[in-house]
Amino acid sequence: MQDVIAPNDTLESWVSLRDRMLVTHPDVSRGKMMSADALTFSGKVFAFYSTKGGRVGLGCRIGREADPSQFALTDWQHLAPFKSKPPMRDWIVIGKGSVAQWGTVAEHCLNTFRNKEVRT
């Protein structure tokens, strides 16, 4: 059985990451994802603090083509916010066990969004 992680255990890590991303990336803004605190680029959410969908932690839109194993994550799953629908394959939620990789994954997601904007 998986341990249940209380939201406050990871909230401090989220706030630190969020604030660092906002300071170092002027094109990143705060937003909302399913009523949760989020980071946006060009009005689109790329990362948020997840407390629903099966895991508490960093929710990231890594894309279908990305392989979560490239980040050496040990604590993650696909985002599954709806009981009657399958998991969202573009999104993962990274739990407390892989908090050290949160920044790397968030930067990857932001760069993916930036690259898509340049191509369109």
PDB file of N, CA and C in Angstrom:
ATOM      1  N   MET A   1       0.847  -1.194   0.000  1.00  0.00           N
ATOM      2  CA  MET A   1       0.000   0.000   0.000  1.00  0.00           C
ATOM      3  C   MET A   1       0.886   1.250   0.000  1.00  0.00           C
ATOM      4  N   GLN A   2       0.504   2.203  -0.806  1.00  0.00           N
ATOM      5  CA  GLN A   2       1.282   3.437  -0.933  1.00  0.00           C
ATOM      6  C   GLN A   2       1.026   4.356   0.262  1.00  0.00           C
ATOM      7  N   ASP A   3       2.083   5.007   0.744  1.00  0.00           N
ATOM      8  CA  ASP A   3       1.925   5.975   1.824  1.00  0.00           C
ATOM      9  C   ASP A   3       1.148   7.175   1.322  1.00  0.00           C
ATOM     10  N   VAL A   4       0.296   7.719   2.161  1.00  0.00           N
ATOM     11  CA  VAL A   4      -0.422   8.940   1.832  1.00  0.00           C
ATOM     12  C   VAL A   4       0.431  10.109   2.298  1.00  0.00           C
ATOM     13  N   ILE A   5       0.692  11.041   1.404  1.00  0.00           N
ATOM     14  CA  ILE A   5       1.522  12.203   1.718  1.00  0.00           C
ATOM     15  C   ILE A   5       0.610  13.386   1.968  1.00  0.00           C
ATOM     16  N   ALA A   6       0.723  13.977   3.119  1.00  0.00           N
ATOM     17  CA  ALA A   6      -0.082  15.157   3.432  1.00  0.00           C
ATOM     18  C   ALA A   6       0.365  16.313   2.555  1.00  0.00           C
ATOM     19  N   PRO A   7      -0.581  17.124   2.043  1.00  0.00           N
ATOM     20  CA  PRO A   7      -0.216  18.233   1.152  1.00  0.00           C
ATOM     21  C   PRO A   7       0.861  19.157   1.708  1.00  0.00           C
ATOM     22  N   ASN A   8       0.862  19.429   2.993  1.00  0.00           N
ATOM     23  CA  ASN A   8       1.830  20.359   3.560  1.00  0.00           C
ATOM     24  C   ASN A   8       3.261  19.833   3.497  1.00  0.00           C
ATOM     25  N   ASP A   9       3.442  18.521   3.366  1.00  0.00           N
ATOM     26  CA  ASP A   9       4.784  17.954   3.266  1.00  0.00           C
ATOM     27  C   ASP A   9       5.497  18.411   1.993  1.00  0.00           C
ATOM     28  N   THR A  10       4.756  18.664   0.944  1.00  0.00           N
ATOM     29  CA  THR A  10       5.340  19.062  -0.328  1.00  0.00           C
ATOM     30  C   THR A  10       5.042  20.510  -0.694  1.00  0.00           C
ATOM     31  N   LEU A  11       4.160  21.139   0.040  1.00  0.00           N
ATOM     32  CA  LEU A  11       3.766  22.512  -0.285  1.00  0.00           C
ATOM     33  C   LEU A  11       4.956  23.469  -0.261  1.00  0.00           C
ATOM     34  N   GLU A  12       5.825  23.332   0.709  1.00  0.00           N
ATOM     35  CA  GLU A  12       6.996  24.207   0.797  1.00  0.00           C
ATOM     36  C   GLU A  12       7.902  24.039  -0.429  1.00  0.00           C
ATOM     37  N   SER A  13       8.059  22.810  -0.889  1.00  0.00           N
ATOM     38  CA  SER A  13       8.863  22.561  -2.094  1.00  0.00           C
ATOM     39  C   SER A  13       8.221  23.210  -3.308  1.00  0.00           C
ATOM     40  N   TRP A  14       6.893  23.127  -3.404  1.00  0.00           N
ATOM     41  CA  TRP A  14       6.185  23.768  -4.520  1.00  0.00           C
ATOM     42  C   TRP A  14       6.373  25.280  -4.490  1.00  0.00           C
ATOM     43  N   VAL A  15       6.175  25.897  -3.334  1.00  0.00           N
ATOM     44  CA  VAL A  15       6.295  27.349  -3.227  1.00  0.00           C
ATOM     45  C   VAL A  15       7.702  27.799  -3.607  1.00  0.00           C
ATOM     46  N   SER A  16       8.700  27.069  -3.172  1.00  0.00           N
ATOM     47  CA  SER A  16      10.081  27.403  -3.515  1.00  0.00           C
ATOM     48  C   SER A  16      10.307  27.311  -5.024  1.00  0.00           C
ATOM     49  N   LEU A  17       9.845  26.221  -5.633  1.00  0.00           N
ATOM     50  CA  LEU A  17       9.986  26.052  -7.083  1.00  0.00           C
ATOM     51  C   LEU A  17       9.215  27.126  -7.830  1.00  0.00           C
ATOM     52  N   ARG A  18       7.976  27.357  -7.444  1.00  0.00           N
ATOM     53  CA  ARG A  18       7.139  28.369  -8.098  1.00  0.00           C
ATOM     54  C   ARG A  18       7.804  29.736  -8.060  1.00  0.00           C
ATOM     55  N   ASP A  19       8.247  30.137  -6.879  1.00  0.00           N
ATOM     56  CA  ASP A  19       8.850  31.463  -6.732  1.00  0.00           C
ATOM     57  C   ASP A  19      10.144  31.589  -7.528  1.00  0.00           C
ATOM     58  N   ARG A  20      10.946  30.530  -7.538  1.00  0.00           N
ATOM     59  CA  ARG A  20      12.191  30.539  -8.300  1.00  0.00           C
ATOM     60  C   ARG A  20      11.904  30.653  -9.803  1.00  0.00           C
ATOM     61  N   MET A  21      10.910  29.910 -10.294  1.00  0.00           N
ATOM     62  CA  MET A  21      10.563  29.969 -11.720  1.00  0.00           C
ATOM     63  C   MET A  21      10.046  31.361 -12.096  1.00  0.00           C
ATOM     64  N   LEU A  22       9.259  31.966 -11.225  1.00  0.00           N
ATOM     65  CA  LEU A  22       8.718  33.301 -11.515  1.00  0.00           C
ATOM     66  C   LEU A  22       9.816  34.359 -11.573  1.00  0.00           C
ATOM     67  N   VAL A  23      10.834  34.218 -10.728  1.00  0.00           N
ATOM     68  CA  VAL A  23      11.928  35.195 -10.700  1.00  0.00           C
ATOM     69  C   VAL A  23      12.876  34.992 -11.880  1.00  0.00           C
ATOM     70  N   THR A  24      13.184  33.745 -12.205  1.00  0.00           N
ATOM     71  CA  THR A  24      14.181  33.487 -13.245  1.00  0.00           C
ATOM     72  C   THR A  24      13.607  33.488 -14.664  1.00  0.00           C
ATOM     73  N   HIS A  25      12.289  33.427 -14.783  1.00  0.00           N
ATOM     74  CA  HIS A  25      11.655  33.387 -16.110  1.00  0.00           C
ATOM     75  C   HIS A  25      10.563  34.455 -16.170  1.00  0.00           C
ATOM     76  N   PRO A  26      10.866  35.641 -16.673  1.00  0.00           N
ATOM     77  CA  PRO A  26       9.880  36.723 -16.714  1.00  0.00           C
ATOM     78  C   PRO A  26       8.655  36.401 -17.573  1.00  0.00           C
ATOM     79  N   ASP A  27       8.762  35.418 -18.457  1.00  0.00           N
ATOM     80  CA  ASP A  27       7.627  35.041 -19.309  1.00  0.00           C
ATOM     81  C   ASP A  27       6.706  34.006 -18.653  1.00  0.00           C
ATOM     82  N   VAL A  28       6.991  33.644 -17.415  1.00  0.00           N
ATOM     83  CA  VAL A  28       6.164  32.700 -16.657  1.00  0.00           C
ATOM     84  C   VAL A  28       5.282  33.487 -15.697  1.00  0.00           C
ATOM     85  N   SER A  29       4.026  33.043 -15.584  1.00  0.00           N
ATOM     86  CA  SER A  29       3.063  33.702 -14.694  1.00  0.00           C
ATOM     87  C   SER A  29       2.390  32.663 -13.813  1.00  0.00           C
ATOM     88  N   ARG A  30       1.713  33.164 -12.788  1.00  0.00           N
ATOM     89  CA  ARG A  30       0.895  32.275 -11.955  1.00  0.00           C
ATOM     90  C   ARG A  30      -0.472  32.111 -12.593  1.00  0.00           C
ATOM     91  N   GLY A  31      -1.053  30.950 -12.371  1.00  0.00           N
ATOM     92  CA  GLY A  31      -2.387  30.669 -12.877  1.00  0.00           C
ATOM     93  C   GLY A  31      -3.050  29.606 -12.024  1.00  0.00           C
ATOM     94  N   LYS A  32      -4.055  28.967 -12.590  1.00  0.00           N
ATOM     95  CA  LYS A  32      -4.796  27.916 -11.890  1.00  0.00           C
ATOM     96  C   LYS A  32      -4.947  26.702 -12.797  1.00  0.00           C
ATOM     97  N   MET A  33      -4.898  25.535 -12.169  1.00  0.00           N
ATOM     98  CA  MET A  33      -5.172  24.269 -12.849  1.00  0.00           C
ATOM     99  C   MET A  33      -6.072  23.476 -11.915  1.00  0.00           C
ATOM    100  N   MET A  34      -7.311  23.274 -12.316  1.00  0.00           N
ATOM    101  CA  MET A  34      -8.282  22.565 -11.473  1.00  0.00           C
ATOM    102  C   MET A  34      -8.306  23.183 -10.070  1.00  0.00           C
ATOM    103  N   SER A  35      -8.352  24.471  -9.992  1.00  0.00           N
ATOM    104  CA  SER A  35      -8.372  25.292  -8.774  1.00  0.00           C
ATOM    105  C   SER A  35      -7.067  25.245  -7.972  1.00  0.00           C
ATOM    106  N   ALA A  36      -6.032  24.620  -8.491  1.00  0.00           N
ATOM    107  CA  ALA A  36      -4.737  24.549  -7.810  1.00  0.00           C
ATOM    108  C   ALA A  36      -3.809  25.644  -8.325  1.00  0.00           C
ATOM    109  N   ASP A  37      -2.863  26.043  -7.497  1.00  0.00           N
ATOM    110  CA  ASP A  37      -1.840  27.014  -7.865  1.00  0.00           C
ATOM    111  C   ASP A  37      -1.007  26.439  -9.009  1.00  0.00           C
ATOM    112  N   ALA A  38      -0.742  27.254 -10.037  1.00  0.00           N
ATOM    113  CA  ALA A  38      -0.058  26.755 -11.220  1.00  0.00           C
ATOM    114  C   ALA A  38       0.895  27.784 -11.803  1.00  0.00           C
ATOM    115  N   LEU A  39       1.751  27.310 -12.700  1.00  0.00           N
ATOM    116  CA  LEU A  39       2.645  28.156 -13.489  1.00  0.00           C
ATOM    117  C   LEU A  39       2.204  28.074 -14.945  1.00  0.00           C
ATOM    118  N   THR A  40       2.192  29.236 -15.602  1.00  0.00           N
ATOM    119  CA  THR A  40       1.752  29.273 -16.997  1.00  0.00           C
ATOM    120  C   THR A  40       2.800  29.934 -17.877  1.00  0.00           C
ATOM    121  N   PHE A  41       2.753  29.574 -19.137  1.00  0.00           N
ATOM    122  CA  PHE A  41       3.541  30.209 -20.181  1.00  0.00           C
ATOM    123  C   PHE A  41       2.580  30.490 -21.328  1.00  0.00           C
ATOM    124  N   SER A  42       2.516  31.731 -21.772  1.00  0.00           N
ATOM    125  CA  SER A  42       1.578  32.138 -22.825  1.00  0.00           C
ATOM    126  C   SER A  42       0.151  31.714 -22.499  1.00  0.00           C
ATOM    127  N   GLY A  43      -0.197  31.815 -21.216  1.00  0.00           N
ATOM    128  CA  GLY A  43      -1.556  31.509 -20.790  1.00  0.00           C
ATOM    129  C   GLY A  43      -1.876  30.035 -20.629  1.00  0.00           C
ATOM    130  N   LYS A  44      -0.894  29.148 -20.833  1.00  0.00           N
ATOM    131  CA  LYS A  44      -1.128  27.715 -20.726  1.00  0.00           C
ATOM    132  C   LYS A  44      -0.350  27.137 -19.556  1.00  0.00           C
ATOM    133  N   VAL A  45      -1.008  26.308 -18.773  1.00  0.00           N
ATOM    134  CA  VAL A  45      -0.393  25.701 -17.593  1.00  0.00           C
ATOM    135  C   VAL A  45       0.602  24.636 -18.023  1.00  0.00           C
ATOM    136  N   PHE A  46       1.806  24.699 -17.439  1.00  0.00           N
ATOM    137  CA  PHE A  46       2.798  23.650 -17.669  1.00  0.00           C
ATOM    138  C   PHE A  46       3.184  22.930 -16.386  1.00  0.00           C
ATOM    139  N   ALA A  47       2.859  23.523 -15.222  1.00  0.00           N
ATOM    140  CA  ALA A  47       3.151  22.892 -13.939  1.00  0.00           C
ATOM    141  C   ALA A  47       2.176  23.419 -12.890  1.00  0.00           C
ATOM    142  N   PHE A  48       1.830  22.556 -11.927  1.00  0.00           N
ATOM    143  CA  PHE A  48       0.932  22.973 -10.859  1.00  0.00           C
ATOM    144  C   PHE A  48       1.147  22.106  -9.629  1.00  0.00           C
ATOM    145  N   TYR A  49       0.597  22.566  -8.510  1.00  0.00           N
ATOM    146  CA  TYR A  49       0.688  21.812  -7.262  1.00  0.00           C
ATOM    147  C   TYR A  49      -0.552  20.946  -7.138  1.00  0.00           C
ATOM    148  N   SER A  50      -0.381  19.661  -7.309  1.00  0.00           N
ATOM    149  CA  SER A  50      -1.498  18.716  -7.327  1.00  0.00           C
ATOM    150  C   SER A  50      -1.781  18.143  -5.943  1.00  0.00           C
ATOM    151  N   THR A  51      -3.036  18.167  -5.575  1.00  0.00           N
ATOM    152  CA  THR A  51      -3.472  17.491  -4.347  1.00  0.00           C
ATOM    153  C   THR A  51      -4.566  16.476  -4.657  1.00  0.00           C
ATOM    154  N   LYS A  52      -4.918  16.344  -5.930  1.00  0.00           N
ATOM    155  CA  LYS A  52      -5.965  15.414  -6.358  1.00  0.00           C
ATOM    156  C   LYS A  52      -5.416  14.554  -7.486  1.00  0.00           C
ATOM    157  N   GLY A  53      -6.167  13.566  -7.872  1.00  0.00           N
ATOM    158  CA  GLY A  53      -5.755  12.755  -9.001  1.00  0.00           C
ATOM    159  C   GLY A  53      -4.795  11.640  -8.643  1.00  0.00           C
ATOM    160  N   GLY A  54      -4.764  11.229  -7.388  1.00  0.00           N
ATOM    161  CA  GLY A  54      -3.988  10.065  -7.000  1.00  0.00           C
ATOM    162  C   GLY A  54      -2.663  10.312  -6.317  1.00  0.00           C
ATOM    163  N   ARG A  55      -2.127  11.496  -6.412  1.00  0.00           N
ATOM    164  CA  ARG A  55      -0.826  11.761  -5.804  1.00  0.00           C
ATOM    165  C   ARG A  55      -0.719  13.243  -5.485  1.00  0.00           C
ATOM    166  N   VAL A  56      -0.070  13.558  -4.385  1.00  0.00           N
ATOM    167  CA  VAL A  56       0.195  14.947  -4.021  1.00  0.00           C
ATOM    168  C   VAL A  56       1.606  15.274  -4.487  1.00  0.00           C
ATOM    169  N   GLY A  57       1.749  16.395  -5.196  1.00  0.00           N
ATOM    170  CA  GLY A  57       3.077  16.786  -5.647  1.00  0.00           C
ATOM    171  C   GLY A  57       3.024  17.708  -6.838  1.00  0.00           C
ATOM    172  N   LEU A  58       4.068  17.668  -7.637  1.00  0.00           N
ATOM    173  CA  LEU A  58       4.198  18.523  -8.801  1.00  0.00           C
ATOM    174  C   LEU A  58       3.517  17.887  -9.999  1.00  0.00           C
ATOM    175  N   GLY A  59       2.479  18.547 -10.494  1.00  0.00           N
ATOM    176  CA  GLY A  59       1.833  18.122 -11.728  1.00  0.00           C
ATOM    177  C   GLY A  59       2.502  18.830 -12.883  1.00  0.00           C
ATOM    178  N   CYS A  60       2.921  18.079 -13.905  1.00  0.00           N
ATOM    179  CA  CYS A  60       3.637  18.656 -15.042  1.00  0.00           C
ATOM    180  C   CYS A  60       3.108  18.104 -16.350  1.00  0.00           C
ATOM    181  N   ARG A  61       3.009  18.977 -17.321  1.00  0.00           N
ATOM    182  CA  ARG A  61       2.640  18.537 -18.667  1.00  0.00           C
ATOM    183  C   ARG A  61       3.927  18.238 -19.433  1.00  0.00           C
ATOM    184  N   ILE A  62       4.340  16.984 -19.385  1.00  0.00           N
ATOM    185  CA  ILE A  62       5.587  16.614 -20.054  1.00  0.00           C
ATOM    186  C   ILE A  62       5.358  16.231 -21.514  1.00  0.00           C
ATOM    187  N   GLY A  63       4.129  15.953 -21.884  1.00  0.00           N
ATOM    188  CA  GLY A  63       3.821  15.576 -23.256  1.00  0.00           C
ATOM    189  C   GLY A  63       3.850  14.067 -23.445  1.00  0.00           C
ATOM    190  N   ARG A  64       3.133  13.598 -24.436  1.00  0.00           N
ATOM    191  CA  ARG A  64       3.057  12.157 -24.705  1.00  0.00           C
ATOM    192  C   ARG A  64       4.382  11.582 -25.182  1.00  0.00           C
ATOM    193  N   GLU A  65       5.174  12.396 -25.855  1.00  0.00           N
ATOM    194  CA  GLU A  65       6.428  11.897 -26.409  1.00  0.00           C
ATOM    195  C   GLU A  65       7.546  11.798 -25.375  1.00  0.00           C
ATOM    196  N   ALA A  66       7.390  12.437 -24.240  1.00  0.00           N
ATOM    197  CA  ALA A  66       8.424  12.416 -23.203  1.00  0.00           C
ATOM    198  C   ALA A  66       8.381  11.104 -22.426  1.00  0.00           C
ATOM    199  N   ASP A  67       9.531  10.654 -22.011  1.00  0.00           N
ATOM    200  CA  ASP A  67       9.655   9.435 -21.220  1.00  0.00           C
ATOM    201  C   ASP A  67      10.043   9.827 -19.801  1.00  0.00           C
ATOM    202  N   PRO A  68       9.147   9.628 -18.831  1.00  0.00           N
ATOM    203  CA  PRO A  68       9.466  10.022 -17.447  1.00  0.00           C
ATOM    204  C   PRO A  68      10.752   9.393 -16.913  1.00  0.00           C
ATOM    205  N   SER A  69      11.164   8.262 -17.451  1.00  0.00           N
ATOM    206  CA  SER A  69      12.390   7.619 -16.959  1.00  0.00           C
ATOM    207  C   SER A  69      13.635   8.452 -17.263  1.00  0.00           C
ATOM    208  N   GLN A  70      13.548   9.369 -18.228  1.00  0.00           N
ATOM    209  CA  GLN A  70      14.707  10.213 -18.539  1.00  0.00           C
ATOM    210  C   GLN A  70      15.066  11.141 -17.388  1.00  0.00           C
ATOM    211  N   PHE A  71      14.142  11.303 -16.444  1.00  0.00           N
ATOM    212  CA  PHE A  71      14.378  12.194 -15.299  1.00  0.00           C
ATOM    213  C   PHE A  71      14.746  11.428 -14.029  1.00  0.00           C
ATOM    214  N   ALA A  72      14.890  10.121 -14.114  1.00  0.00           N
ATOM    215  CA  ALA A  72      15.223   9.268 -12.962  1.00  0.00           C
ATOM    216  C   ALA A  72      14.213   9.419 -11.828  1.00  0.00           C
ATOM    217  N   LEU A  73      12.933   9.479 -12.182  1.00  0.00           N
ATOM    218  CA  LEU A  73      11.870   9.615 -11.190  1.00  0.00           C
ATOM    219  C   LEU A  73      11.552   8.259 -10.573  1.00  0.00           C
ATOM    220  N   THR A  74      11.387   8.248  -9.274  1.00  0.00           N
ATOM    221  CA  THR A  74      11.000   7.014  -8.591  1.00  0.00           C
ATOM    222  C   THR A  74       9.592   7.110  -8.023  1.00  0.00           C
ATOM    223  N   ASP A  75       9.047   8.306  -7.953  1.00  0.00           N
ATOM    224  CA  ASP A  75       7.743   8.539  -7.326  1.00  0.00           C
ATOM    225  C   ASP A  75       6.889   9.390  -8.264  1.00  0.00           C
ATOM    226  N   TRP A  76       6.192   8.741  -9.201  1.00  0.00           N
ATOM    227  CA  TRP A  76       5.370   9.482 -10.150  1.00  0.00           C
ATOM    228  C   TRP A  76       4.255   8.584 -10.675  1.00  0.00           C
ATOM    229  N   GLN A  77       3.285   9.222 -11.276  1.00  0.00           N
ATOM    230  CA  GLN A  77       2.226   8.516 -11.991  1.00  0.00           C
ATOM    231  C   GLN A  77       1.576   9.493 -12.958  1.00  0.00           C
ATOM    232  N   HIS A  78       0.838   8.968 -13.924  1.00  0.00           N
ATOM    233  CA  HIS A  78       0.087   9.844 -14.818  1.00  0.00           C
ATOM    234  C   HIS A  78      -1.051  10.477 -14.037  1.00  0.00           C
ATOM    235  N   LEU A  79      -1.349  11.726 -14.346  1.00  0.00           N
ATOM    236  CA  LEU A  79      -2.421  12.460 -13.687  1.00  0.00           C
ATOM    237  C   LEU A  79      -3.762  11.799 -14.007  1.00  0.00           C
ATOM    238  N   ALA A  80      -4.542  11.509 -12.975  1.00  0.00           N
ATOM    239  CA  ALA A  80      -5.853  10.873 -13.138  1.00  0.00           C
ATOM    240  C   ALA A  80      -6.885  11.612 -12.283  1.00  0.00           C
ATOM    241  N   PRO A  81      -7.305  12.807 -12.701  1.00  0.00           N
ATOM    242  CA  PRO A  81      -8.215  13.592 -11.873  1.00  0.00           C
ATOM    243  C   PRO A  81      -9.682  13.174 -11.961  1.00  0.00           C
ATOM    244  N   PHE A  82     -10.025  12.337 -12.939  1.00  0.00           N
ATOM    245  CA  PHE A  82     -11.419  11.963 -13.138  1.00  0.00           C
ATOM    246  C   PHE A  82     -11.612  10.473 -12.886  1.00  0.00           C
ATOM    247  N   LYS A  83     -12.543  10.124 -12.008  1.00  0.00           N
ATOM    248  CA  LYS A  83     -12.763   8.725 -11.653  1.00  0.00           C
ATOM    249  C   LYS A  83     -13.266   7.890 -12.823  1.00  0.00           C
ATOM    250  N   SER A  84     -14.019   8.506 -13.718  1.00  0.00           N
ATOM    251  CA  SER A  84     -14.629   7.750 -14.806  1.00  0.00           C
ATOM    252  C   SER A  84     -13.868   7.855 -16.130  1.00  0.00           C
ATOM    253  N   LYS A  85     -12.688   8.480 -16.110  1.00  0.00           N
ATOM    254  CA  LYS A  85     -11.902   8.636 -17.333  1.00  0.00           C
ATOM    255  C   LYS A  85     -10.494   8.103 -17.104  1.00  0.00           C
ATOM    256  N   PRO A  86      -9.821   7.688 -18.180  1.00  0.00           N
ATOM    257  CA  PRO A  86      -8.450   7.193 -18.021  1.00  0.00           C
ATOM    258  C   PRO A  86      -7.483   8.328 -17.659  1.00  0.00           C
ATOM    259  N   PRO A  87      -6.282   7.970 -17.193  1.00  0.00           N
ATOM    260  CA  PRO A  87      -5.280   8.994 -16.862  1.00  0.00           C
ATOM    261  C   PRO A  87      -4.949   9.868 -18.069  1.00  0.00           C
ATOM    262  N   MET A  88      -4.519  11.076 -17.793  1.00  0.00           N
ATOM    263  CA  MET A  88      -4.112  12.031 -18.818  1.00  0.00           C
ATOM    264  C   MET A  88      -2.652  11.739 -19.174  1.00  0.00           C
ATOM    265  N   ARG A  89      -2.395  11.214 -20.346  1.00  0.00           N
ATOM    266  CA  ARG A  89      -1.054  10.758 -20.721  1.00  0.00           C
ATOM    267  C   ARG A  89      -0.058  11.881 -20.966  1.00  0.00           C
ATOM    268  N   ASP A  90      -0.526  13.103 -21.169  1.00  0.00           N
ATOM    269  CA  ASP A  90       0.382  14.247 -21.344  1.00  0.00           C
ATOM    270  C   ASP A  90       0.918  14.759 -20.011  1.00  0.00           C
ATOM    271  N   TRP A  91       0.265  14.374 -18.927  1.00  0.00           N
ATOM    272  CA  TRP A  91       0.563  14.920 -17.609  1.00  0.00           C
ATOM    273  C   TRP A  91       1.043  13.837 -16.658  1.00  0.00           C
ATOM    274  N   ILE A  92       1.996  14.207 -15.793  1.00  0.00           N
ATOM    275  CA  ILE A  92       2.398  13.333 -14.692  1.00  0.00           C
ATOM    276  C   ILE A  92       2.329  14.131 -13.396  1.00  0.00           C
ATOM    277  N   VAL A  93       2.236  13.408 -12.300  1.00  0.00           N
ATOM    278  CA  VAL A  93       2.335  14.007 -10.969  1.00  0.00           C
ATOM    279  C   VAL A  93       3.523  13.347 -10.291  1.00  0.00           C
ATOM    280  N   ILE A  94       4.450  14.175  -9.850  1.00  0.00           N
ATOM    281  CA  ILE A  94       5.674  13.699  -9.212  1.00  0.00           C
ATOM    282  C   ILE A  94       5.538  13.901  -7.711  1.00  0.00           C
ATOM    283  N   GLY A  95       5.662  12.833  -6.971  1.00  0.00           N
ATOM    284  CA  GLY A  95       5.477  12.883  -5.528  1.00  0.00           C
ATOM    285  C   GLY A  95       6.719  13.270  -4.750  1.00  0.00           C
ATOM    286  N   LYS A  96       6.563  13.195  -3.452  1.00  0.00           N
ATOM    287  CA  LYS A  96       7.603  13.599  -2.509  1.00  0.00           C
ATOM    288  C   LYS A  96       8.912  12.818  -2.696  1.00  0.00           C
ATOM    289  N   GLY A  97       8.807  11.569  -3.086  1.00  0.00           N
ATOM    290  CA  GLY A  97       9.998  10.734  -3.248  1.00  0.00           C
ATOM    291  C   GLY A  97      10.934  11.182  -4.350  1.00  0.00           C
ATOM    292  N   SER A  98      10.444  12.012  -5.261  1.00  0.00           N
ATOM    293  CA  SER A  98      11.284  12.531  -6.351  1.00  0.00           C
ATOM    294  C   SER A  98      11.317  14.056  -6.361  1.00  0.00           C
ATOM    295  N   VAL A  99      11.174  14.658  -5.199  1.00  0.00           N
ATOM    296  CA  VAL A  99      11.140  16.122  -5.114  1.00  0.00           C
ATOM    297  C   VAL A  99      12.435  16.754  -5.629  1.00  0.00           C
ATOM    298  N   ALA A 100      13.542  16.044  -5.555  1.00  0.00           N
ATOM    299  CA  ALA A 100      14.822  16.589  -6.033  1.00  0.00           C
ATOM    300  C   ALA A 100      14.812  16.829  -7.543  1.00  0.00           C
ATOM    301  N   GLN A 101      13.942  16.163  -8.276  1.00  0.00           N
ATOM    302  CA  GLN A 101      13.865  16.323  -9.722  1.00  0.00           C
ATOM    303  C   GLN A 101      12.798  17.316 -10.160  1.00  0.00           C
ATOM    304  N   TRP A 102      12.034  17.865  -9.241  1.00  0.00           N
ATOM    305  CA  TRP A 102      10.948  18.774  -9.609  1.00  0.00           C
ATOM    306  C   TRP A 102      11.427  19.915 -10.496  1.00  0.00           C
ATOM    307  N   GLY A 103      12.509  20.562 -10.130  1.00  0.00           N
ATOM    308  CA  GLY A 103      13.008  21.704 -10.892  1.00  0.00           C
ATOM    309  C   GLY A 103      13.415  21.324 -12.302  1.00  0.00           C
ATOM    310  N   THR A 104      14.093  20.205 -12.443  1.00  0.00           N
ATOM    311  CA  THR A 104      14.526  19.734 -13.759  1.00  0.00           C
ATOM    312  C   THR A 104      13.327  19.458 -14.660  1.00  0.00           C
ATOM    313  N   VAL A 105      12.320  18.788 -14.116  1.00  0.00           N
ATOM    314  CA  VAL A 105      11.144  18.455 -14.914  1.00  0.00           C
ATOM    315  C   VAL A 105      10.357  19.722 -15.263  1.00  0.00           C
ATOM    316  N   ALA A 106      10.206  20.633 -14.318  1.00  0.00           N
ATOM    317  CA  ALA A 106       9.493  21.889 -14.593  1.00  0.00           C
ATOM    318  C   ALA A 106      10.201  22.692 -15.682  1.00  0.00           C
ATOM    319  N   GLU A 107      11.520  22.752 -15.637  1.00  0.00           N
ATOM    320  CA  GLU A 107      12.287  23.452 -16.677  1.00  0.00           C
ATOM    321  C   GLU A 107      12.092  22.774 -18.039  1.00  0.00           C
ATOM    322  N   HIS A 108      12.099  21.454 -18.044  1.00  0.00           N
ATOM    323  CA  HIS A 108      11.857  20.713 -19.284  1.00  0.00           C
ATOM    324  C   HIS A 108      10.486  21.064 -19.874  1.00  0.00           C
ATOM    325  N   CYS A 109       9.470  21.074 -19.020  1.00  0.00           N
ATOM    326  CA  CYS A 109       8.110  21.387 -19.485  1.00  0.00           C
ATOM    327  C   CYS A 109       8.026  22.815 -20.028  1.00  0.00           C
ATOM    328  N   LEU A 110       8.625  23.757 -19.337  1.00  0.00           N
ATOM    329  CA  LEU A 110       8.637  25.142 -19.805  1.00  0.00           C
ATOM    330  C   LEU A 110       9.335  25.238 -21.160  1.00  0.00           C
ATOM    331  N   ASN A 111      10.481  24.603 -21.290  1.00  0.00           N
ATOM    332  CA  ASN A 111      11.215  24.650 -22.557  1.00  0.00           C
ATOM    333  C   ASN A 111      10.436  23.983 -23.687  1.00  0.00           C
ATOM    334  N   THR A 112       9.707  22.930 -23.373  1.00  0.00           N
ATOM    335  CA  THR A 112       8.858  22.279 -24.378  1.00  0.00           C
ATOM    336  C   THR A 112       7.794  23.251 -24.869  1.00  0.00           C
ATOM    337  N   PHE A 113       7.181  23.983 -23.953  1.00  0.00           N
ATOM    338  CA  PHE A 113       6.170  24.980 -24.336  1.00  0.00           C
ATOM    339  C   PHE A 113       6.807  26.091 -25.164  1.00  0.00           C
ATOM    340  N   ARG A 114       7.958  26.553 -24.774  1.00  0.00           N
ATOM    341  CA  ARG A 114       8.644  27.622 -25.526  1.00  0.00           C
ATOM    342  C   ARG A 114       8.960  27.142 -26.948  1.00  0.00           C
ATOM    343  N   ASN A 115       9.453  25.938 -27.086  1.00  0.00           N
ATOM    344  CA  ASN A 115       9.802  25.408 -28.403  1.00  0.00           C
ATOM    345  C   ASN A 115       8.568  25.249 -29.289  1.00  0.00           C
ATOM    346  N   LYS A 116       7.458  24.859 -28.713  1.00  0.00           N
ATOM    347  CA  LYS A 116       6.224  24.729 -29.490  1.00  0.00           C
ATOM    348  C   LYS A 116       5.735  26.088 -29.958  1.00  0.00           C
ATOM    349  N   GLU A 117       5.883  27.123 -29.122  1.00  0.00           N
ATOM    350  CA  GLU A 117       5.445  28.462 -29.504  1.00  0.00           C
ATOM    351  C   GLU A 117       6.282  28.995 -30.661  1.00  0.00           C
ATOM    352  N   VAL A 118       7.572  28.702 -30.656  1.00  0.00           N
ATOM    353  CA  VAL A 118       8.465  29.182 -31.713  1.00  0.00           C
ATOM    354  C   VAL A 118       8.079  28.541 -33.046  1.00  0.00           C
ATOM    355  N   ARG A 119       7.692  27.262 -33.034  1.00  0.00           N
ATOM    356  CA  ARG A 119       7.352  26.540 -34.263  1.00  0.00           C
ATOM    357  C   ARG A 119       6.003  26.945 -34.826  1.00  0.00           C
ATOM    358  N   THR A 120       5.088  27.443 -33.976  1.00  0.00           N
ATOM    359  CA  THR A 120       3.744  27.758 -34.470  1.00  0.00           C
ATOM    360  C   THR A 120       3.630  29.183 -34.931  1.00  0.00           C
TER     361      THR A 120
END
